Full PDB file with SEQRES, HELIX, SHEET, SSBOND, CRYST1, ORIGX, SCALE, CONECT and MASTER records, all heavy atoms in Angstrom:
SEQRES   1 A   39  LYS VAL MET ASP ARG LEU ILE GLN PHE HIS ASN VAL ASP          
SEQRES   2 A   39  PHE GLN TRP GLY ASN HIS ASP VAL LEU TRP MET GLY ALA          
SEQRES   3 A   39  TYR ALA GLY ASN LEU ALA CYS LEU ALA THR LEU LEU ARG          
HELIX    1 AA1 VAL A    2  GLN A    8  1                                   7    
HELIX    2 AA2 ASN A   18  TYR A   27  1                                  10    
HELIX    3 AA3 LEU A   31  LEU A   38  1                                   8    
CRYST1    1.000    1.000    1.000  90.00  90.00  90.00 P 1           1          
ORIGX1      1.000000  0.000000  0.000000        0.00000                         
ORIGX2      0.000000  1.000000  0.000000        0.00000                         
ORIGX3      0.000000  0.000000  1.000000        0.00000                         
SCALE1      1.000000  0.000000  0.000000        0.00000                         
SCALE2      0.000000  1.000000  0.000000        0.00000                         
SCALE3      0.000000  0.000000  1.000000        0.00000                         
ATOM      1  N   LYS A   1       0.788  -1.230  -0.021  1.00  0.00           N  
ATOM      2  CA  LYS A   1       0.084  -0.011  -0.024  1.00  0.00           C  
ATOM      3  C   LYS A   1       0.911   1.247   0.001  1.00  0.00           C  
ATOM      4  O   LYS A   1       0.512   2.245  -0.641  1.00  0.00           O  
ATOM      5  CB  LYS A   1      -0.953   0.004   1.193  1.00  0.00           C  
ATOM      6  CG  LYS A   1      -1.906  -1.153   1.252  1.00  0.00           C  
ATOM      7  CD  LYS A   1      -2.867  -1.044   2.483  1.00  0.00           C  
ATOM      8  CE  LYS A   1      -3.888  -2.148   2.504  1.00  0.00           C  
ATOM      9  NZ  LYS A   1      -3.258  -3.413   2.771  1.00  0.00           N  
ATOM     10  N   VAL A   2       1.954   1.269   0.746  1.00  0.00           N  
ATOM     11  CA  VAL A   2       2.861   2.378   0.737  1.00  0.00           C  
ATOM     12  C   VAL A   2       3.414   2.591  -0.615  1.00  0.00           C  
ATOM     13  O   VAL A   2       3.484   3.744  -1.166  1.00  0.00           O  
ATOM     14  CB  VAL A   2       3.991   2.146   1.817  1.00  0.00           C  
ATOM     15  CG1 VAL A   2       5.060   3.321   1.593  1.00  0.00           C  
ATOM     16  CG2 VAL A   2       3.510   2.106   3.195  1.00  0.00           C  
ATOM     17  N   MET A   3       3.859   1.527  -1.305  1.00  0.00           N  
ATOM     18  CA  MET A   3       4.442   1.618  -2.668  1.00  0.00           C  
ATOM     19  C   MET A   3       3.360   2.168  -3.632  1.00  0.00           C  
ATOM     20  O   MET A   3       3.681   3.000  -4.490  1.00  0.00           O  
ATOM     21  CB  MET A   3       4.896   0.251  -3.094  1.00  0.00           C  
ATOM     22  CG  MET A   3       6.207  -0.219  -2.373  1.00  0.00           C  
ATOM     23  SD  MET A   3       7.588   0.999  -2.554  1.00  0.00           S  
ATOM     24  CE  MET A   3       7.839   0.906  -4.343  1.00  0.00           C  
ATOM     25  N   ASP A   4       2.123   1.700  -3.529  1.00  0.00           N  
ATOM     26  CA  ASP A   4       1.080   2.183  -4.457  1.00  0.00           C  
ATOM     27  C   ASP A   4       0.868   3.718  -4.206  1.00  0.00           C  
ATOM     28  O   ASP A   4       0.658   4.467  -5.202  1.00  0.00           O  
ATOM     29  CB  ASP A   4      -0.261   1.393  -4.254  1.00  0.00           C  
ATOM     30  CG  ASP A   4      -0.213   0.045  -4.807  1.00  0.00           C  
ATOM     31  OD1 ASP A   4       0.563  -0.204  -5.710  1.00  0.00           O  
ATOM     32  OD2 ASP A   4      -1.039  -0.786  -4.431  1.00  0.00           O  
ATOM     33  N   ARG A   5       0.907   4.122  -2.907  1.00  0.00           N  
ATOM     34  CA  ARG A   5       0.686   5.569  -2.617  1.00  0.00           C  
ATOM     35  C   ARG A   5       1.906   6.365  -3.182  1.00  0.00           C  
ATOM     36  O   ARG A   5       1.702   7.492  -3.711  1.00  0.00           O  
ATOM     37  CB  ARG A   5       0.627   5.748  -1.090  1.00  0.00           C  
ATOM     38  CG  ARG A   5       0.264   7.073  -0.675  1.00  0.00           C  
ATOM     39  CD  ARG A   5      -1.181   7.502  -0.933  1.00  0.00           C  
ATOM     40  NE  ARG A   5      -1.575   8.798  -0.435  1.00  0.00           N  
ATOM     41  CZ  ARG A   5      -1.456   9.922  -0.991  1.00  0.00           C  
ATOM     42  NH1 ARG A   5      -0.917   9.968  -2.248  1.00  0.00           N  
ATOM     43  NH2 ARG A   5      -1.824  11.048  -0.396  1.00  0.00           N  
ATOM     44  N   LEU A   6       3.149   5.845  -3.126  1.00  0.00           N  
ATOM     45  CA  LEU A   6       4.273   6.565  -3.604  1.00  0.00           C  
ATOM     46  C   LEU A   6       4.185   6.690  -5.149  1.00  0.00           C  
ATOM     47  O   LEU A   6       4.541   7.738  -5.709  1.00  0.00           O  
ATOM     48  CB  LEU A   6       5.572   5.843  -3.214  1.00  0.00           C  
ATOM     49  CG  LEU A   6       5.938   5.927  -1.774  1.00  0.00           C  
ATOM     50  CD1 LEU A   6       7.196   5.002  -1.485  1.00  0.00           C  
ATOM     51  CD2 LEU A   6       6.276   7.371  -1.386  1.00  0.00           C  
ATOM     52  N   ILE A   7       3.738   5.663  -5.814  1.00  0.00           N  
ATOM     53  CA  ILE A   7       3.632   5.672  -7.250  1.00  0.00           C  
ATOM     54  C   ILE A   7       2.644   6.733  -7.693  1.00  0.00           C  
ATOM     55  O   ILE A   7       2.773   7.400  -8.711  1.00  0.00           O  
ATOM     56  CB  ILE A   7       3.207   4.290  -7.743  1.00  0.00           C  
ATOM     57  CG1 ILE A   7       4.465   3.315  -7.623  1.00  0.00           C  
ATOM     58  CG2 ILE A   7       2.828   4.344  -9.234  1.00  0.00           C  
ATOM     59  CD1 ILE A   7       4.081   1.912  -7.899  1.00  0.00           C  
ATOM     60  N   GLN A   8       1.575   6.977  -6.897  1.00  0.00           N  
ATOM     61  CA  GLN A   8       0.563   7.935  -7.185  1.00  0.00           C  
ATOM     62  C   GLN A   8       1.105   9.402  -6.935  1.00  0.00           C  
ATOM     63  O   GLN A   8       0.436  10.351  -7.510  1.00  0.00           O  
ATOM     64  CB  GLN A   8      -0.658   7.690  -6.281  1.00  0.00           C  
ATOM     65  CG  GLN A   8      -1.400   6.445  -6.633  1.00  0.00           C  
ATOM     66  CD  GLN A   8      -2.489   6.117  -5.632  1.00  0.00           C  
ATOM     67  OE1 GLN A   8      -2.725   6.861  -4.663  1.00  0.00           O  
ATOM     68  NE2 GLN A   8      -3.123   4.982  -5.771  1.00  0.00           N  
ATOM     69  N   PHE A   9       2.067   9.512  -6.101  1.00  0.00           N  
ATOM     70  CA  PHE A   9       2.502  10.860  -5.660  1.00  0.00           C  
ATOM     71  C   PHE A   9       3.053  11.604  -6.829  1.00  0.00           C  
ATOM     72  O   PHE A   9       3.748  11.024  -7.707  1.00  0.00           O  
ATOM     73  CB  PHE A   9       3.501  10.812  -4.518  1.00  0.00           C  
ATOM     74  CG  PHE A   9       3.579  12.050  -3.713  1.00  0.00           C  
ATOM     75  CD1 PHE A   9       2.719  12.279  -2.688  1.00  0.00           C  
ATOM     76  CD2 PHE A   9       4.528  12.997  -4.032  1.00  0.00           C  
ATOM     77  CE1 PHE A   9       2.820  13.523  -1.980  1.00  0.00           C  
ATOM     78  CE2 PHE A   9       4.725  14.172  -3.385  1.00  0.00           C  
ATOM     79  CZ  PHE A   9       3.758  14.445  -2.265  1.00  0.00           C  
ATOM     80  N   HIS A  10       2.811  12.931  -6.941  1.00  0.00           N  
ATOM     81  CA  HIS A  10       3.146  13.729  -8.115  1.00  0.00           C  
ATOM     82  C   HIS A  10       4.652  13.920  -8.382  1.00  0.00           C  
ATOM     83  O   HIS A  10       5.042  14.200  -9.481  1.00  0.00           O  
ATOM     84  CB  HIS A  10       2.340  15.051  -8.051  1.00  0.00           C  
ATOM     85  CG  HIS A  10       2.576  15.804  -6.764  1.00  0.00           C  
ATOM     86  ND1 HIS A  10       1.864  15.592  -5.690  1.00  0.00           N  
ATOM     87  CD2 HIS A  10       3.445  16.805  -6.485  1.00  0.00           C  
ATOM     88  CE1 HIS A  10       2.266  16.378  -4.699  1.00  0.00           C  
ATOM     89  NE2 HIS A  10       3.263  17.180  -5.183  1.00  0.00           N  
ATOM     90  N   ASN A  11       5.444  13.885  -7.307  1.00  0.00           N  
ATOM     91  CA  ASN A  11       6.837  14.211  -7.483  1.00  0.00           C  
ATOM     92  C   ASN A  11       7.632  13.604  -6.290  1.00  0.00           C  
ATOM     93  O   ASN A  11       7.587  14.125  -5.273  1.00  0.00           O  
ATOM     94  CB  ASN A  11       7.049  15.778  -7.499  1.00  0.00           C  
ATOM     95  CG  ASN A  11       8.361  16.192  -8.089  1.00  0.00           C  
ATOM     96  OD1 ASN A  11       9.171  15.334  -8.493  1.00  0.00           O  
ATOM     97  ND2 ASN A  11       8.694  17.423  -7.949  1.00  0.00           N  
ATOM     98  N   VAL A  12       8.369  12.531  -6.626  1.00  0.00           N  
ATOM     99  CA  VAL A  12       8.925  11.761  -5.563  1.00  0.00           C  
ATOM    100  C   VAL A  12      10.312  11.196  -6.022  1.00  0.00           C  
ATOM    101  O   VAL A  12      10.510  10.902  -7.205  1.00  0.00           O  
ATOM    102  CB  VAL A  12       8.070  10.586  -5.069  1.00  0.00           C  
ATOM    103  CG1 VAL A  12       7.801   9.572  -6.236  1.00  0.00           C  
ATOM    104  CG2 VAL A  12       8.601   9.860  -3.940  1.00  0.00           C  
ATOM    105  N   ASP A  13      11.313  11.103  -5.126  1.00  0.00           N  
ATOM    106  CA  ASP A  13      12.497  10.385  -5.338  1.00  0.00           C  
ATOM    107  C   ASP A  13      12.751   9.476  -4.086  1.00  0.00           C  
ATOM    108  O   ASP A  13      12.076   9.551  -3.094  1.00  0.00           O  
ATOM    109  CB  ASP A  13      13.724  11.264  -5.591  1.00  0.00           C  
ATOM    110  CG  ASP A  13      13.991  12.223  -4.484  1.00  0.00           C  
ATOM    111  OD1 ASP A  13      14.262  11.803  -3.355  1.00  0.00           O  
ATOM    112  OD2 ASP A  13      13.946  13.459  -4.725  1.00  0.00           O  
ATOM    113  N   PHE A  14      13.749   8.559  -4.266  1.00  0.00           N  
ATOM    114  CA  PHE A  14      13.897   7.525  -3.330  1.00  0.00           C  
ATOM    115  C   PHE A  14      15.380   7.179  -3.135  1.00  0.00           C  
ATOM    116  O   PHE A  14      16.052   6.966  -4.022  1.00  0.00           O  
ATOM    117  CB  PHE A  14      13.235   6.225  -3.814  1.00  0.00           C  
ATOM    118  CG  PHE A  14      12.798   5.218  -2.800  1.00  0.00           C  
ATOM    119  CD1 PHE A  14      11.462   5.088  -2.447  1.00  0.00           C  
ATOM    120  CD2 PHE A  14      13.721   4.404  -2.227  1.00  0.00           C  
ATOM    121  CE1 PHE A  14      11.084   4.126  -1.504  1.00  0.00           C  
ATOM    122  CE2 PHE A  14      13.375   3.481  -1.272  1.00  0.00           C  
ATOM    123  CZ  PHE A  14      12.040   3.322  -0.908  1.00  0.00           C  
ATOM    124  N   GLN A  15      15.813   7.227  -1.878  1.00  0.00           N  
ATOM    125  CA  GLN A  15      17.202   6.776  -1.571  1.00  0.00           C  
ATOM    126  C   GLN A  15      17.053   5.363  -0.869  1.00  0.00           C  
ATOM    127  O   GLN A  15      16.526   5.245   0.159  1.00  0.00           O  
ATOM    128  CB  GLN A  15      17.959   7.721  -0.614  1.00  0.00           C  
ATOM    129  CG  GLN A  15      18.211   9.099  -1.320  1.00  0.00           C  
ATOM    130  CD  GLN A  15      16.891  10.030  -1.448  1.00  0.00           C  
ATOM    131  OE1 GLN A  15      16.330  10.309  -0.431  1.00  0.00           O  
ATOM    132  NE2 GLN A  15      16.484  10.305  -2.636  1.00  0.00           N  
ATOM    133  N   TRP A  16      17.624   4.338  -1.515  1.00  0.00           N  
ATOM    134  CA  TRP A  16      17.381   3.043  -1.075  1.00  0.00           C  
ATOM    135  C   TRP A  16      18.009   2.767   0.340  1.00  0.00           C  
ATOM    136  O   TRP A  16      19.085   3.168   0.646  1.00  0.00           O  
ATOM    137  CB  TRP A  16      18.084   2.030  -2.000  1.00  0.00           C  
ATOM    138  CG  TRP A  16      17.558   2.088  -3.458  1.00  0.00           C  
ATOM    139  CD1 TRP A  16      16.298   2.304  -3.847  1.00  0.00           C  
ATOM    140  CD2 TRP A  16      18.398   2.035  -4.640  1.00  0.00           C  
ATOM    141  NE1 TRP A  16      16.273   2.343  -5.235  1.00  0.00           N  
ATOM    142  CE2 TRP A  16      17.511   2.178  -5.751  1.00  0.00           C  
ATOM    143  CE3 TRP A  16      19.765   1.901  -4.904  1.00  0.00           C  
ATOM    144  CZ2 TRP A  16      17.990   2.197  -7.079  1.00  0.00           C  
ATOM    145  CZ3 TRP A  16      20.246   1.872  -6.198  1.00  0.00           C  
ATOM    146  CH2 TRP A  16      19.343   2.019  -7.301  1.00  0.00           C  
ATOM    147  N   GLY A  17      17.219   2.075   1.134  1.00  0.00           N  
ATOM    148  CA  GLY A  17      17.731   1.566   2.426  1.00  0.00           C  
ATOM    149  C   GLY A  17      18.096   0.100   2.304  1.00  0.00           C  
ATOM    150  O   GLY A  17      17.721  -0.556   1.321  1.00  0.00           O  
ATOM    151  N   ASN A  18      18.661  -0.467   3.376  1.00  0.00           N  
ATOM    152  CA  ASN A  18      19.101  -1.869   3.317  1.00  0.00           C  
ATOM    153  C   ASN A  18      17.866  -2.778   3.195  1.00  0.00           C  
ATOM    154  O   ASN A  18      17.942  -3.848   2.521  1.00  0.00           O  
ATOM    155  CB  ASN A  18      20.054  -2.160   4.441  1.00  0.00           C  
ATOM    156  CG  ASN A  18      19.376  -1.981   5.824  1.00  0.00           C  
ATOM    157  OD1 ASN A  18      18.618  -0.991   5.997  1.00  0.00           O  
ATOM    158  ND2 ASN A  18      19.669  -2.846   6.779  1.00  0.00           N  
ATOM    159  N   HIS A  19      16.753  -2.349   3.828  1.00  0.00           N  
ATOM    160  CA  HIS A  19      15.522  -3.244   3.716  1.00  0.00           C  
ATOM    161  C   HIS A  19      14.938  -3.200   2.334  1.00  0.00           C  
ATOM    162  O   HIS A  19      14.493  -4.217   1.818  1.00  0.00           O  
ATOM    163  CB  HIS A  19      14.485  -2.804   4.744  1.00  0.00           C  
ATOM    164  CG  HIS A  19      14.813  -3.162   6.137  1.00  0.00           C  
ATOM    165  ND1 HIS A  19      14.424  -4.350   6.724  1.00  0.00           N  
ATOM    166  CD2 HIS A  19      15.613  -2.548   7.104  1.00  0.00           C  
ATOM    167  CE1 HIS A  19      14.899  -4.413   7.956  1.00  0.00           C  
ATOM    168  NE2 HIS A  19      15.632  -3.291   8.202  1.00  0.00           N  
ATOM    169  N   ASP A  20      15.046  -2.054   1.599  1.00  0.00           N  
ATOM    170  CA  ASP A  20      14.571  -1.903   0.271  1.00  0.00           C  
ATOM    171  C   ASP A  20      15.375  -2.790  -0.664  1.00  0.00           C  
ATOM    172  O   ASP A  20      14.917  -3.518  -1.538  1.00  0.00           O  
ATOM    173  CB  ASP A  20      14.612  -0.491  -0.211  1.00  0.00           C  
ATOM    174  CG  ASP A  20      13.923   0.438   0.774  1.00  0.00           C  
ATOM    175  OD1 ASP A  20      12.798   0.150   1.185  1.00  0.00           O  
ATOM    176  OD2 ASP A  20      14.443   1.505   1.116  1.00  0.00           O  
ATOM    177  N   VAL A  21      16.748  -2.710  -0.495  1.00  0.00           N  
ATOM    178  CA  VAL A  21      17.630  -3.505  -1.398  1.00  0.00           C  
ATOM    179  C   VAL A  21      17.485  -4.993  -1.095  1.00  0.00           C  
ATOM    180  O   VAL A  21      17.660  -5.811  -2.026  1.00  0.00           O  
ATOM    181  CB  VAL A  21      19.062  -3.009  -1.279  1.00  0.00           C  
ATOM    182  CG1 VAL A  21      20.053  -3.964  -2.068  1.00  0.00           C  
ATOM    183  CG2 VAL A  21      19.202  -1.620  -1.836  1.00  0.00           C  
ATOM    184  N   LEU A  22      17.052  -5.403   0.115  1.00  0.00           N  
ATOM    185  CA  LEU A  22      16.834  -6.764   0.351  1.00  0.00           C  
ATOM    186  C   LEU A  22      15.694  -7.271  -0.524  1.00  0.00           C  
ATOM    187  O   LEU A  22      15.751  -8.309  -1.129  1.00  0.00           O  
ATOM    188  CB  LEU A  22      16.409  -6.931   1.873  1.00  0.00           C  
ATOM    189  CG  LEU A  22      16.047  -8.356   2.323  1.00  0.00           C  
ATOM    190  CD1 LEU A  22      17.305  -9.215   2.386  1.00  0.00           C  
ATOM    191  CD2 LEU A  22      15.390  -8.313   3.706  1.00  0.00           C  
ATOM    192  N   TRP A  23      14.645  -6.536  -0.657  1.00  0.00           N  
ATOM    193  CA  TRP A  23      13.508  -6.872  -1.526  1.00  0.00           C  
ATOM    194  C   TRP A  23      13.914  -6.743  -2.994  1.00  0.00           C  
ATOM    195  O   TRP A  23      13.509  -7.582  -3.797  1.00  0.00           O  
ATOM    196  CB  TRP A  23      12.276  -5.921  -1.201  1.00  0.00           C  
ATOM    197  CG  TRP A  23      11.610  -6.271   0.067  1.00  0.00           C  
ATOM    198  CD1 TRP A  23      12.097  -6.346   1.247  1.00  0.00           C  
ATOM    199  CD2 TRP A  23      10.150  -6.588   0.149  1.00  0.00           C  
ATOM    200  NE1 TRP A  23      11.086  -6.716   2.187  1.00  0.00           N  
ATOM    201  CE2 TRP A  23       9.898  -6.789   1.500  1.00  0.00           C  
ATOM    202  CE3 TRP A  23       9.128  -6.563  -0.775  1.00  0.00           C  
ATOM    203  CZ2 TRP A  23       8.667  -7.131   2.049  1.00  0.00           C  
ATOM    204  CZ3 TRP A  23       7.825  -6.875  -0.242  1.00  0.00           C  
ATOM    205  CH2 TRP A  23       7.639  -7.115   1.084  1.00  0.00           C  
ATOM    206  N   MET A  24      14.689  -5.793  -3.382  1.00  0.00           N  
ATOM    207  CA  MET A  24      15.172  -5.731  -4.734  1.00  0.00           C  
ATOM    208  C   MET A  24      16.011  -6.831  -5.118  1.00  0.00           C  
ATOM    209  O   MET A  24      15.934  -7.409  -6.191  1.00  0.00           O  
ATOM    210  CB  MET A  24      15.863  -4.348  -4.964  1.00  0.00           C  
ATOM    211  CG  MET A  24      15.000  -3.150  -4.764  1.00  0.00           C  
ATOM    212  SD  MET A  24      15.923  -1.603  -4.535  1.00  0.00           S  
ATOM    213  CE  MET A  24      16.423  -1.267  -6.263  1.00  0.00           C  
ATOM    214  N   GLY A  25      16.857  -7.258  -4.135  1.00  0.00           N  
ATOM    215  CA  GLY A  25      17.679  -8.478  -4.331  1.00  0.00           C  
ATOM    216  C   GLY A  25      16.883  -9.740  -4.564  1.00  0.00           C  
ATOM    217  O   GLY A  25      17.271 -10.563  -5.376  1.00  0.00           O  
ATOM    218  N   ALA A  26      15.823  -9.833  -3.763  1.00  0.00           N  
ATOM    219  CA  ALA A  26      14.881 -10.986  -3.928  1.00  0.00           C  
ATOM    220  C   ALA A  26      14.349 -11.029  -5.345  1.00  0.00           C  
ATOM    221  O   ALA A  26      14.337 -12.060  -6.048  1.00  0.00           O  
ATOM    222  CB  ALA A  26      13.809 -10.963  -2.858  1.00  0.00           C  
ATOM    223  N   TYR A  27      13.908  -9.900  -5.819  1.00  0.00           N  
ATOM    224  CA  TYR A  27      13.319  -9.837  -7.111  1.00  0.00           C  
ATOM    225  C   TYR A  27      14.338 -10.130  -8.200  1.00  0.00           C  
ATOM    226  O   TYR A  27      14.082 -10.763  -9.227  1.00  0.00           O  
ATOM    227  CB  TYR A  27      12.724  -8.486  -7.402  1.00  0.00           C  
ATOM    228  CG  TYR A  27      12.154  -8.249  -8.807  1.00  0.00           C  
ATOM    229  CD1 TYR A  27      11.006  -8.932  -9.247  1.00  0.00           C  
ATOM    230  CD2 TYR A  27      12.845  -7.500  -9.717  1.00  0.00           C  
ATOM    231  CE1 TYR A  27      10.586  -8.829 -10.526  1.00  0.00           C  
ATOM    232  CE2 TYR A  27      12.372  -7.332 -10.968  1.00  0.00           C  
ATOM    233  CZ  TYR A  27      11.241  -8.042 -11.404  1.00  0.00           C  
ATOM    234  OH  TYR A  27      10.734  -7.878 -12.736  1.00  0.00           O  
ATOM    235  N   ALA A  28      15.618  -9.767  -7.933  1.00  0.00           N  
ATOM    236  CA  ALA A  28      16.687  -9.999  -8.853  1.00  0.00           C  
ATOM    237  C   ALA A  28      17.178 -11.432  -8.900  1.00  0.00           C  
ATOM    238  O   ALA A  28      17.989 -11.842  -9.750  1.00  0.00           O  
ATOM    239  CB  ALA A  28      17.862  -9.112  -8.513  1.00  0.00           C  
ATOM    240  N   GLY A  29      16.601 -12.302  -7.971  1.00  0.00           N  
ATOM    241  CA  GLY A  29      16.871 -13.745  -7.959  1.00  0.00           C  
ATOM    242  C   GLY A  29      17.848 -14.208  -6.852  1.00  0.00           C  
ATOM    243  O   GLY A  29      18.263 -15.337  -6.876  1.00  0.00           O  
ATOM    244  N   ASN A  30      18.204 -13.299  -5.954  1.00  0.00           N  
ATOM    245  CA  ASN A  30      19.072 -13.773  -4.806  1.00  0.00           C  
ATOM    246  C   ASN A  30      18.180 -14.453  -3.783  1.00  0.00           C  
ATOM    247  O   ASN A  30      17.424 -13.829  -3.052  1.00  0.00           O  
ATOM    248  CB  ASN A  30      19.814 -12.511  -4.268  1.00  0.00           C  
ATOM    249  CG  ASN A  30      20.871 -12.976  -3.215  1.00  0.00           C  
ATOM    250  OD1 ASN A  30      20.489 -13.434  -2.141  1.00  0.00           O  
ATOM    251  ND2 ASN A  30      22.130 -12.879  -3.613  1.00  0.00           N  
ATOM    252  N   LEU A  31      18.433 -15.775  -3.617  1.00  0.00           N  
ATOM    253  CA  LEU A  31      17.527 -16.551  -2.808  1.00  0.00           C  
ATOM    254  C   LEU A  31      17.783 -16.218  -1.315  1.00  0.00           C  
ATOM    255  O   LEU A  31      16.891 -16.407  -0.495  1.00  0.00           O  
ATOM    256  CB  LEU A  31      17.788 -18.011  -3.047  1.00  0.00           C  
ATOM    257  CG  LEU A  31      17.348 -18.525  -4.385  1.00  0.00           C  
ATOM    258  CD1 LEU A  31      17.630 -19.968  -4.565  1.00  0.00           C  
ATOM    259  CD2 LEU A  31      15.861 -18.301  -4.630  1.00  0.00           C  
ATOM    260  N   ALA A  32      19.000 -15.797  -0.932  1.00  0.00           N  
ATOM    261  CA  ALA A  32      19.295 -15.398   0.483  1.00  0.00           C  
ATOM    262  C   ALA A  32      18.479 -14.183   0.814  1.00  0.00           C  
ATOM    263  O   ALA A  32      17.905 -14.115   1.899  1.00  0.00           O  
ATOM    264  CB  ALA A  32      20.776 -15.123   0.660  1.00  0.00           C  
ATOM    265  N   CYS A  33      18.337 -13.193  -0.108  1.00  0.00           N  
ATOM    266  CA  CYS A  33      17.453 -12.053   0.184  1.00  0.00           C  
ATOM    267  C   CYS A  33      16.010 -12.440   0.277  1.00  0.00           C  
ATOM    268  O   CYS A  33      15.258 -11.988   1.151  1.00  0.00           O  
ATOM    269  CB  CYS A  33      17.619 -11.020  -1.025  1.00  0.00           C  
ATOM    270  SG  CYS A  33      19.241 -10.208  -1.083  1.00  0.00           S  
ATOM    271  N   LEU A  34      15.615 -13.363  -0.594  1.00  0.00           N  
ATOM    272  CA  LEU A  34      14.190 -13.805  -0.560  1.00  0.00           C  
ATOM    273  C   LEU A  34      13.879 -14.539   0.734  1.00  0.00           C  
ATOM    274  O   LEU A  34      12.849 -14.237   1.415  1.00  0.00           O  
ATOM    275  CB  LEU A  34      13.910 -14.772  -1.726  1.00  0.00           C  
ATOM    276  CG  LEU A  34      12.524 -15.381  -1.833  1.00  0.00           C  
ATOM    277  CD1 LEU A  34      11.407 -14.327  -1.827  1.00  0.00           C  
ATOM    278  CD2 LEU A  34      12.433 -16.246  -3.038  1.00  0.00           C  
ATOM    279  N   ALA A  35      14.704 -15.445   1.132  1.00  0.00           N  
ATOM    280  CA  ALA A  35      14.464 -16.132   2.437  1.00  0.00           C  
ATOM    281  C   ALA A  35      14.532 -15.233   3.574  1.00  0.00           C  
ATOM    282  O   ALA A  35      13.662 -15.316   4.526  1.00  0.00           O  
ATOM    283  CB  ALA A  35      15.648 -17.198   2.695  1.00  0.00           C  
ATOM    284  N   THR A  36      15.333 -14.171   3.556  1.00  0.00           N  
ATOM    285  CA  THR A  36      15.346 -13.189   4.680  1.00  0.00           C  
ATOM    286  C   THR A  36      14.143 -12.371   4.706  1.00  0.00           C  
ATOM    287  O   THR A  36      13.560 -12.151   5.814  1.00  0.00           O  
ATOM    288  CB  THR A  36      16.631 -12.297   4.514  1.00  0.00           C  
ATOM    289  OG1 THR A  36      17.815 -13.077   4.452  1.00  0.00           O  
ATOM    290  CG2 THR A  36      16.765 -11.288   5.746  1.00  0.00           C  
ATOM    291  N   LEU A  37      13.659 -11.896   3.574  1.00  0.00           N  
ATOM    292  CA  LEU A  37      12.431 -11.033   3.665  1.00  0.00           C  
ATOM    293  C   LEU A  37      11.188 -11.933   4.162  1.00  0.00           C  
ATOM    294  O   LEU A  37      10.309 -11.443   4.809  1.00  0.00           O  
ATOM    295  CB  LEU A  37      12.147 -10.327   2.338  1.00  0.00           C  
ATOM    296  CG  LEU A  37      11.503 -11.025   1.134  1.00  0.00           C  
ATOM    297  CD1 LEU A  37       9.982 -11.037   1.268  1.00  0.00           C  
ATOM    298  CD2 LEU A  37      11.895 -10.361  -0.144  1.00  0.00           C  
ATOM    299  N   LEU A  38      11.175 -13.181   3.732  1.00  0.00           N  
ATOM    300  CA  LEU A  38      10.111 -14.031   4.223  1.00  0.00           C  
ATOM    301  C   LEU A  38      10.219 -14.334   5.617  1.00  0.00           C  
ATOM    302  O   LEU A  38       9.174 -14.398   6.377  1.00  0.00           O  
ATOM    303  CB  LEU A  38      10.156 -15.336   3.391  1.00  0.00           C  
ATOM    304  CG  LEU A  38       9.734 -15.222   1.896  1.00  0.00           C  
ATOM    305  CD1 LEU A  38      10.039 -16.576   1.158  1.00  0.00           C  
ATOM    306  CD2 LEU A  38       8.311 -14.861   1.708  1.00  0.00           C  
ATOM    307  N   ARG A  39      11.453 -14.621   6.147  1.00  0.00           N  
ATOM    308  CA  ARG A  39      11.717 -14.787   7.564  1.00  0.00           C  
ATOM    309  C   ARG A  39      11.235 -13.614   8.403  1.00  0.00           C  
ATOM    310  O   ARG A  39      10.561 -13.742   9.472  1.00  0.00           O  
ATOM    311  CB  ARG A  39      13.164 -15.113   7.903  1.00  0.00           C  
ATOM    312  CG  ARG A  39      13.430 -15.345   9.398  1.00  0.00           C  
ATOM    313  CD  ARG A  39      14.948 -15.335   9.708  1.00  0.00           C  
ATOM    314  NE  ARG A  39      15.563 -14.135   9.255  1.00  0.00           N  
ATOM    315  CZ  ARG A  39      15.568 -13.016   9.905  1.00  0.00           C  
ATOM    316  NH1 ARG A  39      14.835 -12.910  11.081  1.00  0.00           N  
ATOM    317  NH2 ARG A  39      16.191 -11.937   9.503  1.00  0.00           N  
TER     318      ARG A  39                                                      
MASTER        0    0    0    3    0    0    0    6  317    1    0    3          
END                                                                             
């Protein structure tokens, strides 16, 4: 829901945090990142 709200916002930028890159790493195929976000 937060992500959907950010996408709707008229003017936004984002500086990645370690929790964000964990999810990005999971999407990129890193199974350790995926297991961690699920845990």
